[in-house]
N, C-alpha and C. Protein backbone atom coordinates (compact mmCIF):
# COMPACT_ATOMS: atom_id res chain seq x y z
N MET A 1 108.74 109.82 119.98
CA MET A 1 108.04 108.67 120.54
C MET A 1 109.05 107.66 121.04
N LYS A 2 108.74 107.11 122.17
CA LYS A 2 109.62 106.09 122.74
C LYS A 2 109.33 104.73 122.10
N VAL A 3 110.36 103.93 122.02
CA VAL A 3 110.25 102.58 121.46
C VAL A 3 109.21 101.77 122.22
N GLU A 4 109.13 101.98 123.54
CA GLU A 4 108.22 101.21 124.38
C GLU A 4 106.77 101.35 123.92
N MET A 5 106.42 102.51 123.36
CA MET A 5 105.05 102.76 122.94
C MET A 5 104.63 101.87 121.77
N LEU A 6 105.58 101.39 120.99
CA LEU A 6 105.25 100.48 119.89
C LEU A 6 104.70 99.16 120.41
N PHE A 7 105.03 98.82 121.64
CA PHE A 7 104.55 97.57 122.23
C PHE A 7 103.36 97.80 123.14
N GLY A 8 102.80 99.01 123.11
CA GLY A 8 101.63 99.30 123.93
C GLY A 8 101.96 99.78 125.32
N GLY A 9 103.19 100.09 125.59
CA GLY A 9 103.56 100.63 126.89
C GLY A 9 104.85 100.03 127.42
N SER A 10 105.35 100.66 128.46
CA SER A 10 106.63 100.25 129.01
C SER A 10 106.56 98.90 129.72
N THR A 11 105.39 98.54 130.27
CA THR A 11 105.27 97.25 130.96
C THR A 11 105.48 96.11 129.97
N ARG A 12 104.78 96.16 128.84
CA ARG A 12 104.93 95.10 127.83
C ARG A 12 106.38 95.03 127.33
N PHE A 13 106.94 96.20 127.06
CA PHE A 13 108.31 96.26 126.56
C PHE A 13 109.28 95.65 127.58
N THR A 14 109.11 96.02 128.84
CA THR A 14 110.01 95.53 129.89
C THR A 14 109.88 94.02 130.06
N ILE A 15 108.65 93.50 129.98
CA ILE A 15 108.46 92.05 130.10
C ILE A 15 109.14 91.33 128.95
N LEU A 16 108.93 91.81 127.73
CA LEU A 16 109.59 91.19 126.57
C LEU A 16 111.10 91.26 126.69
N GLU A 17 111.58 92.41 127.13
CA GLU A 17 113.03 92.59 127.29
C GLU A 17 113.57 91.61 128.33
N THR A 18 112.87 91.44 129.43
CA THR A 18 113.31 90.53 130.49
C THR A 18 113.33 89.09 129.99
N LEU A 19 112.26 88.69 129.29
CA LEU A 19 112.20 87.32 128.77
C LEU A 19 113.27 87.08 127.71
N ALA A 20 113.57 88.10 126.92
CA ALA A 20 114.61 87.97 125.88
C ALA A 20 115.99 87.78 126.51
N GLU A 21 116.21 88.43 127.64
CA GLU A 21 117.51 88.34 128.31
C GLU A 21 117.64 87.09 129.18
N ALA A 22 116.50 86.47 129.54
CA ALA A 22 116.51 85.33 130.46
C ALA A 22 117.12 84.09 129.80
N LYS A 23 117.93 83.40 130.55
CA LYS A 23 118.54 82.16 130.07
C LYS A 23 117.61 80.96 130.26
N GLN A 24 116.66 81.09 131.20
CA GLN A 24 115.72 80.01 131.47
C GLN A 24 114.35 80.61 131.78
N SER A 25 113.34 79.77 131.87
CA SER A 25 111.98 80.23 132.17
C SER A 25 111.95 80.90 133.54
N ILE A 26 111.10 81.94 133.65
CA ILE A 26 110.98 82.67 134.92
C ILE A 26 109.51 82.93 135.21
N THR A 27 109.21 83.20 136.47
CA THR A 27 107.82 83.45 136.88
C THR A 27 107.46 84.91 136.66
N ALA A 28 106.17 85.18 136.58
CA ALA A 28 105.68 86.55 136.45
C ALA A 28 106.05 87.35 137.69
N HIS A 29 105.97 86.72 138.83
CA HIS A 29 106.33 87.38 140.09
C HIS A 29 107.79 87.82 140.08
N HIS A 30 108.66 86.96 139.58
CA HIS A 30 110.09 87.30 139.49
C HIS A 30 110.30 88.49 138.54
N ILE A 31 109.61 88.48 137.40
CA ILE A 31 109.73 89.60 136.45
C ILE A 31 109.29 90.90 137.12
N ALA A 32 108.15 90.85 137.80
CA ALA A 32 107.61 92.06 138.45
C ALA A 32 108.56 92.58 139.53
N LEU A 33 109.08 91.67 140.35
CA LEU A 33 109.98 92.09 141.43
C LEU A 33 111.29 92.67 140.92
N THR A 34 111.92 91.98 139.96
CA THR A 34 113.24 92.43 139.50
C THR A 34 113.18 93.68 138.64
N ARG A 35 112.05 93.92 137.99
CA ARG A 35 111.94 95.09 137.11
C ARG A 35 111.08 96.21 137.68
N GLY A 36 110.58 96.03 138.89
CA GLY A 36 109.79 97.08 139.53
C GLY A 36 108.44 97.30 138.85
N LEU A 37 107.82 96.23 138.38
CA LEU A 37 106.53 96.33 137.71
C LEU A 37 105.40 95.94 138.65
N ASP A 38 104.21 96.37 138.33
CA ASP A 38 103.02 95.97 139.06
C ASP A 38 102.76 94.49 138.76
N PRO A 39 102.68 93.64 139.79
CA PRO A 39 102.48 92.21 139.54
C PRO A 39 101.21 91.90 138.74
N ALA A 40 100.11 92.59 139.04
CA ALA A 40 98.85 92.33 138.32
C ALA A 40 98.99 92.69 136.84
N ALA A 41 99.63 93.81 136.55
CA ALA A 41 99.84 94.21 135.15
C ALA A 41 100.76 93.22 134.43
N THR A 42 101.73 92.70 135.16
CA THR A 42 102.65 91.72 134.58
C THR A 42 101.90 90.45 134.20
N TYR A 43 101.03 89.97 135.09
CA TYR A 43 100.23 88.78 134.78
C TYR A 43 99.29 89.04 133.60
N ARG A 44 98.68 90.21 133.55
CA ARG A 44 97.78 90.54 132.42
C ARG A 44 98.53 90.54 131.10
N CYS A 45 99.69 91.15 131.07
CA CYS A 45 100.48 91.20 129.83
C CYS A 45 100.93 89.80 129.41
N LEU A 46 101.35 89.01 130.36
CA LEU A 46 101.78 87.65 130.02
C LEU A 46 100.61 86.81 129.50
N THR A 47 99.42 87.04 130.02
CA THR A 47 98.24 86.35 129.51
C THR A 47 97.97 86.74 128.07
N GLU A 48 98.11 88.03 127.75
CA GLU A 48 97.97 88.49 126.36
C GLU A 48 99.03 87.84 125.47
N PHE A 49 100.27 87.83 125.94
CA PHE A 49 101.35 87.24 125.16
C PHE A 49 101.11 85.75 124.92
N LEU A 50 100.52 85.06 125.90
CA LEU A 50 100.18 83.65 125.73
C LEU A 50 99.14 83.48 124.62
N GLU A 51 98.12 84.36 124.61
CA GLU A 51 97.08 84.29 123.58
C GLU A 51 97.66 84.44 122.19
N PHE A 52 98.65 85.29 122.04
CA PHE A 52 99.25 85.55 120.74
C PHE A 52 100.39 84.58 120.40
N GLY A 53 100.75 83.71 121.33
CA GLY A 53 101.81 82.75 121.07
C GLY A 53 103.20 83.35 121.18
N ILE A 54 103.31 84.52 121.80
CA ILE A 54 104.60 85.17 121.95
C ILE A 54 105.41 84.51 123.07
N VAL A 55 104.70 84.04 124.09
CA VAL A 55 105.35 83.32 125.18
C VAL A 55 104.74 81.93 125.34
N LYS A 56 105.48 81.06 125.96
CA LYS A 56 105.02 79.73 126.34
C LYS A 56 105.06 79.66 127.87
N SER A 57 104.18 78.86 128.43
CA SER A 57 104.19 78.71 129.89
C SER A 57 104.21 77.24 130.26
N GLU A 58 104.72 76.99 131.44
CA GLU A 58 104.70 75.63 131.99
C GLU A 58 104.55 75.74 133.50
N THR A 59 103.72 74.86 134.04
CA THR A 59 103.50 74.84 135.48
C THR A 59 104.44 73.81 136.08
N ARG A 60 105.18 74.28 137.09
CA ARG A 60 106.16 73.40 137.73
C ARG A 60 105.95 73.38 139.24
N GLN A 61 107.05 73.27 139.93
CA GLN A 61 107.08 73.13 141.38
C GLN A 61 106.10 74.06 142.10
N ARG A 62 105.42 73.48 143.07
CA ARG A 62 104.44 74.20 143.89
C ARG A 62 103.41 74.95 143.06
N ASN A 63 103.05 74.38 141.90
CA ASN A 63 102.02 74.93 141.03
C ASN A 63 102.33 76.35 140.55
N ARG A 64 103.61 76.67 140.39
CA ARG A 64 104.01 77.99 139.89
C ARG A 64 104.16 77.92 138.38
N THR A 65 103.77 79.00 137.71
CA THR A 65 103.85 79.06 136.25
C THR A 65 105.12 79.80 135.85
N PHE A 66 105.88 79.18 134.96
CA PHE A 66 107.12 79.77 134.44
C PHE A 66 106.90 80.13 132.98
N TYR A 67 107.47 81.27 132.57
CA TYR A 67 107.29 81.78 131.22
C TYR A 67 108.62 81.88 130.49
N ARG A 68 108.55 81.70 129.17
CA ARG A 68 109.71 81.91 128.29
C ARG A 68 109.18 82.35 126.94
N LEU A 69 110.03 82.98 126.15
CA LEU A 69 109.63 83.38 124.81
C LEU A 69 109.42 82.15 123.95
N SER A 70 108.41 82.19 123.08
CA SER A 70 108.21 81.08 122.14
C SER A 70 109.28 81.16 121.06
N SER A 71 109.49 80.06 120.39
CA SER A 71 110.56 80.03 119.40
C SER A 71 110.20 80.79 118.13
N GLY A 72 108.95 80.91 117.79
CA GLY A 72 108.55 81.63 116.57
C GLY A 72 108.30 83.10 116.83
N PRO A 73 107.05 83.47 117.16
CA PRO A 73 106.71 84.88 117.37
C PRO A 73 107.47 85.53 118.52
N GLY A 74 107.77 84.77 119.56
CA GLY A 74 108.49 85.33 120.71
C GLY A 74 109.89 85.79 120.34
N ARG A 75 110.62 84.94 119.64
CA ARG A 75 111.97 85.31 119.21
C ARG A 75 111.92 86.44 118.19
N ALA A 76 110.89 86.42 117.32
CA ALA A 76 110.74 87.51 116.35
C ALA A 76 110.49 88.83 117.07
N ALA A 77 109.67 88.80 118.12
CA ALA A 77 109.40 90.01 118.90
C ALA A 77 110.67 90.53 119.56
N ALA A 78 111.47 89.62 120.11
CA ALA A 78 112.73 90.02 120.76
C ALA A 78 113.69 90.62 119.74
N LYS A 79 113.76 90.00 118.58
CA LYS A 79 114.64 90.51 117.52
C LYS A 79 114.17 91.89 117.05
N PHE A 80 112.86 92.03 116.87
CA PHE A 80 112.27 93.31 116.46
C PHE A 80 112.56 94.38 117.51
N MET A 81 112.37 94.04 118.78
CA MET A 81 112.61 94.97 119.87
C MET A 81 114.08 95.40 119.88
N HIS A 82 114.98 94.44 119.71
CA HIS A 82 116.41 94.75 119.70
C HIS A 82 116.75 95.69 118.54
N SER A 83 116.17 95.44 117.37
CA SER A 83 116.46 96.31 116.22
C SER A 83 115.90 97.71 116.43
N LEU A 84 114.75 97.82 117.10
CA LEU A 84 114.18 99.13 117.37
C LEU A 84 115.04 99.94 118.33
N LYS A 85 115.65 99.27 119.28
CA LYS A 85 116.50 99.96 120.25
C LYS A 85 117.74 100.55 119.56
N GLN A 86 118.12 100.00 118.41
CA GLN A 86 119.29 100.48 117.68
C GLN A 86 118.95 101.69 116.80
N LYS A 87 117.66 101.93 116.56
CA LYS A 87 117.22 102.98 115.63
C LYS A 87 117.30 104.37 116.25
N ASP A 88 117.46 105.33 115.38
CA ASP A 88 117.41 106.74 115.76
C ASP A 88 115.94 107.11 116.01
N PRO A 89 115.63 107.86 117.08
CA PRO A 89 114.24 108.22 117.36
C PRO A 89 113.55 108.94 116.19
N ASP A 90 114.30 109.73 115.41
CA ASP A 90 113.69 110.40 114.26
C ASP A 90 113.27 109.40 113.19
N ASP A 91 114.04 108.33 113.01
CA ASP A 91 113.65 107.28 112.07
C ASP A 91 112.36 106.61 112.51
N LEU A 92 112.20 106.43 113.83
CA LEU A 92 110.97 105.82 114.35
C LEU A 92 109.77 106.72 114.10
N GLU A 93 109.95 108.02 114.28
CA GLU A 93 108.86 108.97 114.01
C GLU A 93 108.41 108.84 112.56
N ASP A 94 109.38 108.76 111.64
CA ASP A 94 109.05 108.60 110.22
C ASP A 94 108.35 107.27 109.98
N TRP A 95 108.84 106.21 110.61
CA TRP A 95 108.28 104.88 110.44
C TRP A 95 106.83 104.83 110.92
N LEU A 96 106.52 105.63 111.96
CA LEU A 96 105.17 105.64 112.52
C LEU A 96 104.24 106.66 111.86
N SER A 97 104.76 107.43 110.93
CA SER A 97 103.92 108.43 110.28
C SER A 97 102.76 107.76 109.54
N PRO A 98 101.64 108.47 109.37
CA PRO A 98 100.48 107.90 108.68
C PRO A 98 100.81 107.41 107.27
N LYS A 99 101.69 108.12 106.58
CA LYS A 99 102.06 107.72 105.22
C LYS A 99 102.75 106.36 105.21
N MET A 100 103.72 106.16 106.12
CA MET A 100 104.43 104.88 106.19
C MET A 100 103.52 103.77 106.70
N GLN A 101 102.61 104.08 107.62
CA GLN A 101 101.67 103.07 108.10
C GLN A 101 100.78 102.60 106.96
N ALA A 102 100.34 103.52 106.11
CA ALA A 102 99.50 103.16 104.96
C ALA A 102 100.27 102.24 104.00
N LYS A 103 101.55 102.54 103.79
CA LYS A 103 102.36 101.69 102.92
C LYS A 103 102.48 100.27 103.47
N ARG A 104 102.74 100.17 104.79
CA ARG A 104 102.87 98.85 105.40
C ARG A 104 101.56 98.08 105.35
N MET A 105 100.46 98.75 105.61
CA MET A 105 99.16 98.07 105.57
C MET A 105 98.85 97.58 104.16
N ALA A 106 99.22 98.35 103.15
CA ALA A 106 99.00 97.92 101.77
C ALA A 106 99.79 96.65 101.48
N LYS A 107 101.02 96.58 101.96
CA LYS A 107 101.84 95.38 101.76
C LYS A 107 101.24 94.19 102.49
N ILE A 108 100.80 94.40 103.72
CA ILE A 108 100.20 93.32 104.49
C ILE A 108 98.94 92.81 103.81
N THR A 109 98.12 93.72 103.30
CA THR A 109 96.90 93.32 102.61
C THR A 109 97.21 92.52 101.37
N ARG A 110 98.21 92.96 100.59
CA ARG A 110 98.60 92.20 99.39
C ARG A 110 99.09 90.82 99.75
N LEU A 111 99.94 90.74 100.77
CA LEU A 111 100.46 89.44 101.20
C LEU A 111 99.34 88.54 101.72
N ASP A 112 98.41 89.14 102.46
CA ASP A 112 97.31 88.36 103.00
C ASP A 112 96.46 87.78 101.88
N LYS A 113 96.18 88.55 100.85
CA LYS A 113 95.37 88.07 99.73
C LYS A 113 96.11 86.98 98.95
N SER A 114 97.43 87.13 98.81
CA SER A 114 98.18 86.12 98.06
C SER A 114 98.30 84.81 98.84
N ASN A 115 98.19 84.87 100.16
CA ASN A 115 98.31 83.66 100.98
C ASN A 115 96.98 82.96 101.21
N GLU A 116 95.85 83.59 100.86
CA GLU A 116 94.55 83.00 101.12
C GLU A 116 94.37 81.66 100.42
N SER A 117 94.88 81.55 99.22
CA SER A 117 94.71 80.30 98.48
C SER A 117 95.55 79.17 99.07
N LYS A 118 96.59 79.50 99.83
CA LYS A 118 97.47 78.49 100.40
C LYS A 118 96.98 77.98 101.75
N ILE A 119 96.08 78.72 102.37
CA ILE A 119 95.63 78.36 103.71
C ILE A 119 94.58 77.26 103.59
N ARG A 120 94.82 76.16 104.29
CA ARG A 120 93.89 75.03 104.24
C ARG A 120 92.92 75.06 105.40
N ASP A 121 93.36 75.52 106.54
CA ASP A 121 92.54 75.47 107.74
C ASP A 121 91.91 76.85 108.00
N LYS A 122 90.69 77.05 107.51
CA LYS A 122 90.00 78.33 107.66
C LYS A 122 89.64 78.61 109.12
N VAL A 123 89.40 77.56 109.92
CA VAL A 123 89.08 77.74 111.34
C VAL A 123 90.26 78.39 112.05
N GLN A 124 91.47 77.94 111.76
CA GLN A 124 92.66 78.52 112.38
C GLN A 124 92.78 79.99 111.99
N THR A 125 92.51 80.32 110.74
CA THR A 125 92.56 81.70 110.29
C THR A 125 91.54 82.55 111.03
N GLN A 126 90.35 82.04 111.22
CA GLN A 126 89.32 82.79 111.93
C GLN A 126 89.72 83.02 113.37
N ASN A 127 90.36 82.04 114.00
CA ASN A 127 90.81 82.23 115.38
C ASN A 127 91.85 83.34 115.47
N ILE A 128 92.77 83.39 114.53
CA ILE A 128 93.78 84.44 114.52
C ILE A 128 93.12 85.79 114.29
N ASP A 129 92.16 85.85 113.35
CA ASP A 129 91.44 87.10 113.10
C ASP A 129 90.68 87.56 114.34
N LYS A 130 90.09 86.61 115.05
CA LYS A 130 89.35 86.94 116.27
C LYS A 130 90.30 87.54 117.31
N LEU A 131 91.48 86.94 117.47
CA LEU A 131 92.46 87.48 118.42
C LEU A 131 92.92 88.87 118.01
N LEU A 132 93.21 89.03 116.72
CA LEU A 132 93.71 90.33 116.25
C LEU A 132 92.65 91.41 116.37
N SER A 133 91.37 91.05 116.24
CA SER A 133 90.31 92.06 116.31
C SER A 133 90.16 92.62 117.71
N LYS A 134 90.67 91.93 118.73
CA LYS A 134 90.60 92.41 120.10
C LYS A 134 91.61 93.52 120.37
N ARG A 135 92.64 93.63 119.57
CA ARG A 135 93.71 94.59 119.81
C ARG A 135 93.36 95.95 119.22
N THR A 136 93.91 96.98 119.80
CA THR A 136 93.77 98.30 119.23
C THR A 136 94.92 98.50 118.25
N PRO A 137 94.69 99.30 117.21
CA PRO A 137 95.75 99.50 116.21
C PRO A 137 97.03 100.03 116.87
N GLY A 138 98.16 99.51 116.42
CA GLY A 138 99.44 100.00 116.90
C GLY A 138 100.04 99.22 118.04
N GLU A 139 99.29 98.28 118.60
CA GLU A 139 99.87 97.51 119.70
C GLU A 139 100.57 96.28 119.15
N LEU A 140 100.09 95.12 119.47
CA LEU A 140 100.78 93.90 119.08
C LEU A 140 100.39 93.39 117.70
N THR A 141 99.37 93.97 117.10
CA THR A 141 98.90 93.49 115.81
C THR A 141 100.00 93.50 114.76
N ALA A 142 100.67 94.63 114.64
CA ALA A 142 101.73 94.74 113.63
C ALA A 142 102.84 93.73 113.92
N LEU A 143 103.14 93.53 115.17
CA LEU A 143 104.19 92.59 115.55
C LEU A 143 103.81 91.16 115.16
N VAL A 144 102.58 90.77 115.46
CA VAL A 144 102.14 89.41 115.14
C VAL A 144 102.11 89.20 113.63
N ILE A 145 101.57 90.17 112.91
CA ILE A 145 101.48 90.04 111.45
C ILE A 145 102.87 89.97 110.84
N SER A 146 103.78 90.83 111.30
CA SER A 146 105.12 90.79 110.72
C SER A 146 105.84 89.48 111.08
N SER A 147 105.56 88.94 112.26
CA SER A 147 106.15 87.64 112.64
C SER A 147 105.63 86.54 111.74
N LYS A 148 104.33 86.56 111.45
CA LYS A 148 103.75 85.54 110.58
C LYS A 148 104.36 85.63 109.18
N ILE A 149 104.54 86.85 108.69
CA ILE A 149 105.12 87.03 107.36
C ILE A 149 106.55 86.50 107.34
N GLY A 150 107.33 86.87 108.35
CA GLY A 150 108.72 86.42 108.42
C GLY A 150 108.81 84.91 108.56
N PHE A 151 107.94 84.34 109.37
CA PHE A 151 107.93 82.89 109.55
C PHE A 151 107.55 82.20 108.24
N GLY A 152 106.56 82.78 107.54
CA GLY A 152 106.12 82.21 106.27
C GLY A 152 107.21 82.22 105.21
N LYS A 153 108.08 83.21 105.26
CA LYS A 153 109.18 83.28 104.29
C LYS A 153 110.28 82.27 104.61
N LEU A 154 110.48 81.99 105.89
CA LEU A 154 111.56 81.10 106.30
C LEU A 154 111.18 79.62 106.25
N PHE A 155 109.89 79.31 106.44
CA PHE A 155 109.48 77.91 106.54
C PHE A 155 108.37 77.59 105.54
N GLU A 156 108.36 76.35 105.12
CA GLU A 156 107.32 75.84 104.24
C GLU A 156 106.54 74.78 105.03
N HIS A 157 105.22 74.83 104.93
CA HIS A 157 104.37 73.91 105.67
C HIS A 157 104.03 72.71 104.80
N LYS A 158 104.44 71.52 105.23
CA LYS A 158 104.15 70.29 104.51
C LYS A 158 103.52 69.31 105.51
N GLY A 159 102.25 69.02 105.31
CA GLY A 159 101.56 68.14 106.24
C GLY A 159 101.50 68.79 107.61
N ASN A 160 102.01 68.12 108.61
CA ASN A 160 102.04 68.66 109.98
C ASN A 160 103.42 69.15 110.38
N VAL A 161 104.29 69.40 109.38
CA VAL A 161 105.68 69.75 109.66
C VAL A 161 106.03 71.05 108.94
N PHE A 162 106.82 71.88 109.60
CA PHE A 162 107.37 73.08 108.97
C PHE A 162 108.81 72.78 108.60
N ILE A 163 109.16 73.07 107.34
CA ILE A 163 110.50 72.78 106.84
C ILE A 163 111.17 74.10 106.49
N LEU A 164 112.41 74.27 106.94
CA LEU A 164 113.18 75.48 106.68
C LEU A 164 113.50 75.57 105.20
N ASN A 165 113.13 76.71 104.59
CA ASN A 165 113.48 76.94 103.17
C ASN A 165 114.97 77.17 103.04
N GLU A 166 115.51 76.72 101.94
CA GLU A 166 116.95 76.92 101.73
C GLU A 166 117.19 78.05 100.77
């Protein structure tokens, strides 16, 4: 299995890779042209990434939208993608096996249950669940969940501020 398939296809992977390598915000049109992607598919993927908070957008000159990776889930996705590119394909096959998927889901379920008592804003949780329910298994769901877990370990939420754990 190719690494690109973990992200739901080569278009998503290429867009994330391009944004990870970019020094500044870039347009969807620029991504499509420089990487040989279908512009419509590029816009669709970026819209999905916006919904999940993986990318941020800003409208600038001549009403053009520029995209960049978000600092939380976006950087986690780039880091995850980079680590996957370093892996042996046989290790990925093992990682994707049904047995290993069941182990990961059990861990996620345990973590989710332990965090329920800490969550104050149930509406925010429902919105995330609604977004995740739109995805098919194996696409961005695992990435978003693992980013949330990693973010939760690194930062503590106090009031309206996230504080880096020491």
